């Protein structure tokens, strides 16, 4: 299920170790339900939440669509 929420990509990237690039257009924000770690994707696989787990804590992901 895709949740329509908005996030601040620049703030999220400052917390992570990935460089923020304004040129790259991301459509989806992936968030771990358990630990809250965020990352961004350009494409969405409908089985993403079933196939993958968080590498940090093993929690499940929630997919947010960005506009």
N, C-alpha and C. Protein backbone atom coordinates (compact mmCIF):
# COMPACT_ATOMS: atom_id res chain seq x y z
N UNK A 1 0.85 -1.17 0.00
CA UNK A 1 0.00 0.00 0.00
C UNK A 1 0.90 1.24 0.00
N UNK A 2 0.54 2.22 -0.78
CA UNK A 2 1.33 3.45 -0.89
C UNK A 2 0.63 4.54 -0.09
N UNK A 3 1.37 5.16 0.81
CA UNK A 3 0.85 6.24 1.63
C UNK A 3 1.28 7.57 1.03
N UNK A 4 0.37 8.51 0.92
CA UNK A 4 0.70 9.83 0.39
C UNK A 4 1.14 10.74 1.53
N UNK A 5 2.43 10.83 1.71
CA UNK A 5 3.01 11.69 2.74
C UNK A 5 4.14 12.47 2.09
N UNK A 6 4.46 13.57 2.69
CA UNK A 6 5.53 14.40 2.16
C UNK A 6 6.68 14.41 3.16
N UNK A 7 7.89 14.38 2.66
CA UNK A 7 9.07 14.42 3.50
C UNK A 7 10.02 15.48 2.99
N UNK A 8 10.94 15.86 3.83
CA UNK A 8 11.96 16.82 3.44
C UNK A 8 13.21 16.03 3.09
N UNK A 9 13.48 15.86 1.79
CA UNK A 9 14.58 15.02 1.35
C UNK A 9 15.92 15.56 1.84
N UNK A 10 16.08 16.87 1.83
CA UNK A 10 17.37 17.45 2.21
C UNK A 10 17.70 17.14 3.67
N UNK A 11 16.72 17.26 4.55
CA UNK A 11 16.94 16.95 5.97
C UNK A 11 17.23 15.47 6.16
N UNK A 12 16.51 14.61 5.46
CA UNK A 12 16.73 13.17 5.58
C UNK A 12 18.12 12.78 5.09
N UNK A 13 18.58 13.42 4.01
CA UNK A 13 19.91 13.10 3.50
C UNK A 13 21.00 13.61 4.43
N UNK A 14 20.77 14.70 5.16
CA UNK A 14 21.76 15.19 6.12
C UNK A 14 21.96 14.17 7.25
N UNK A 15 20.91 13.44 7.60
CA UNK A 15 20.99 12.43 8.65
C UNK A 15 21.68 11.16 8.15
N UNK A 16 21.63 10.90 6.84
CA UNK A 16 22.22 9.68 6.29
C UNK A 16 23.62 9.98 5.77
N UNK A 17 24.27 8.96 5.23
CA UNK A 17 25.62 9.12 4.69
C UNK A 17 25.61 9.27 3.17
N UNK A 18 24.43 9.48 2.55
CA UNK A 18 24.31 9.62 1.11
C UNK A 18 24.25 11.10 0.76
N UNK A 19 24.96 11.50 -0.29
CA UNK A 19 24.95 12.89 -0.74
C UNK A 19 23.61 13.25 -1.35
N UNK A 20 23.11 14.43 -1.03
CA UNK A 20 21.84 14.92 -1.58
C UNK A 20 22.10 15.54 -2.93
N UNK A 21 21.36 15.10 -3.94
CA UNK A 21 21.51 15.61 -5.30
C UNK A 21 20.16 16.14 -5.76
N UNK A 22 20.06 17.45 -5.95
CA UNK A 22 18.80 18.08 -6.34
C UNK A 22 18.39 17.70 -7.76
N UNK A 23 19.33 17.28 -8.60
CA UNK A 23 19.03 16.93 -9.99
C UNK A 23 18.26 15.61 -10.09
N UNK A 24 18.49 14.70 -9.18
CA UNK A 24 17.83 13.41 -9.23
C UNK A 24 16.40 13.56 -8.71
N UNK A 25 15.46 13.08 -9.49
CA UNK A 25 14.05 13.15 -9.12
C UNK A 25 13.62 11.80 -8.54
N UNK A 26 13.29 11.79 -7.28
CA UNK A 26 12.83 10.58 -6.63
C UNK A 26 11.31 10.60 -6.53
N UNK A 27 10.69 9.45 -6.71
CA UNK A 27 9.24 9.35 -6.66
C UNK A 27 8.75 8.70 -5.37
N UNK A 28 9.63 7.94 -4.70
CA UNK A 28 9.21 7.19 -3.52
C UNK A 28 10.19 7.36 -2.37
N UNK A 29 9.64 7.50 -1.19
CA UNK A 29 10.42 7.54 0.04
C UNK A 29 10.12 6.24 0.78
N UNK A 30 11.16 5.47 1.09
CA UNK A 30 11.01 4.20 1.79
C UNK A 30 11.43 4.43 3.23
N UNK A 31 10.58 4.02 4.17
CA UNK A 31 10.86 4.25 5.58
C UNK A 31 10.70 2.94 6.35
N UNK A 32 11.65 2.65 7.22
CA UNK A 32 11.55 1.48 8.09
C UNK A 32 10.55 1.79 9.20
N UNK A 33 9.61 0.91 9.40
CA UNK A 33 8.59 1.11 10.43
C UNK A 33 9.18 1.01 11.83
N UNK A 34 10.18 0.14 11.99
CA UNK A 34 10.74 -0.13 13.31
C UNK A 34 11.75 0.93 13.78
N UNK A 35 12.75 1.25 12.93
CA UNK A 35 13.81 2.18 13.37
C UNK A 35 13.71 3.56 12.74
N UNK A 36 12.89 3.72 11.69
CA UNK A 36 12.70 5.03 11.09
C UNK A 36 13.72 5.45 10.06
N UNK A 37 14.61 4.53 9.63
CA UNK A 37 15.60 4.86 8.61
C UNK A 37 14.90 5.13 7.29
N UNK A 38 15.34 6.17 6.56
CA UNK A 38 14.73 6.57 5.30
C UNK A 38 15.71 6.45 4.16
N UNK A 39 15.19 6.12 2.97
CA UNK A 39 15.95 6.23 1.73
C UNK A 39 14.96 6.44 0.59
N UNK A 40 15.46 6.81 -0.57
CA UNK A 40 14.61 7.20 -1.68
C UNK A 40 14.84 6.31 -2.88
N UNK A 41 13.79 6.12 -3.68
CA UNK A 41 13.86 5.31 -4.90
C UNK A 41 13.15 6.03 -6.04
N UNK A 42 13.61 5.77 -7.25
CA UNK A 42 12.97 6.33 -8.43
C UNK A 42 11.87 5.41 -8.95
N UNK A 43 12.05 4.11 -8.76
CA UNK A 43 11.07 3.14 -9.22
C UNK A 43 10.58 2.31 -8.04
N UNK A 44 9.39 1.76 -8.19
CA UNK A 44 8.77 0.99 -7.12
C UNK A 44 8.42 -0.40 -7.63
N UNK A 45 8.85 -1.40 -6.91
CA UNK A 45 8.51 -2.78 -7.18
C UNK A 45 7.36 -3.15 -6.25
N UNK A 46 6.26 -3.64 -6.77
CA UNK A 46 5.09 -3.89 -5.93
C UNK A 46 5.35 -4.95 -4.86
N UNK A 47 6.36 -5.79 -5.05
CA UNK A 47 6.71 -6.79 -4.05
C UNK A 47 7.84 -6.32 -3.13
N UNK A 48 8.19 -5.05 -3.19
CA UNK A 48 9.32 -4.52 -2.42
C UNK A 48 9.16 -4.76 -0.93
N UNK A 49 7.97 -4.46 -0.40
CA UNK A 49 7.75 -4.60 1.05
C UNK A 49 7.71 -6.06 1.47
N UNK A 50 7.41 -6.97 0.57
CA UNK A 50 7.39 -8.40 0.89
C UNK A 50 8.78 -9.00 0.81
N UNK A 51 9.59 -8.53 -0.15
CA UNK A 51 10.90 -9.12 -0.42
C UNK A 51 11.99 -8.64 0.53
N UNK A 52 11.97 -7.35 0.88
CA UNK A 52 13.11 -6.73 1.56
C UNK A 52 12.79 -6.33 2.99
N UNK A 53 13.83 -6.34 3.81
CA UNK A 53 13.76 -5.90 5.20
C UNK A 53 14.88 -4.92 5.46
N UNK A 54 14.75 -4.16 6.53
CA UNK A 54 15.77 -3.18 6.92
C UNK A 54 17.06 -3.90 7.32
N UNK A 55 18.19 -3.40 6.83
CA UNK A 55 19.48 -4.00 7.15
C UNK A 55 19.94 -3.66 8.56
N UNK A 56 19.42 -2.58 9.11
CA UNK A 56 19.81 -2.14 10.45
C UNK A 56 19.13 -2.96 11.55
N UNK A 57 17.79 -3.06 11.45
CA UNK A 57 17.02 -3.66 12.55
C UNK A 57 16.18 -4.86 12.13
N UNK A 58 16.04 -5.10 10.83
CA UNK A 58 15.23 -6.23 10.37
C UNK A 58 13.75 -5.92 10.26
N UNK A 59 13.38 -4.64 10.41
CA UNK A 59 11.97 -4.24 10.36
C UNK A 59 11.44 -4.18 8.93
N UNK A 60 10.15 -4.03 8.83
CA UNK A 60 9.49 -3.92 7.52
C UNK A 60 9.49 -2.48 7.04
N UNK A 61 9.25 -2.30 5.73
CA UNK A 61 9.26 -0.98 5.13
C UNK A 61 7.85 -0.46 4.86
N UNK A 62 7.73 0.86 4.89
CA UNK A 62 6.52 1.57 4.49
C UNK A 62 6.91 2.46 3.31
N UNK A 63 6.13 2.41 2.23
CA UNK A 63 6.42 3.17 1.02
C UNK A 63 5.56 4.41 0.97
N UNK A 64 6.19 5.57 0.82
CA UNK A 64 5.48 6.85 0.71
C UNK A 64 5.73 7.41 -0.68
N UNK A 65 4.67 7.80 -1.37
CA UNK A 65 4.81 8.38 -2.70
C UNK A 65 5.00 9.88 -2.57
N UNK A 66 6.04 10.39 -3.24
CA UNK A 66 6.32 11.82 -3.24
C UNK A 66 5.72 12.44 -4.49
N UNK A 67 5.30 13.67 -4.39
CA UNK A 67 4.74 14.35 -5.56
C UNK A 67 5.76 15.21 -6.23
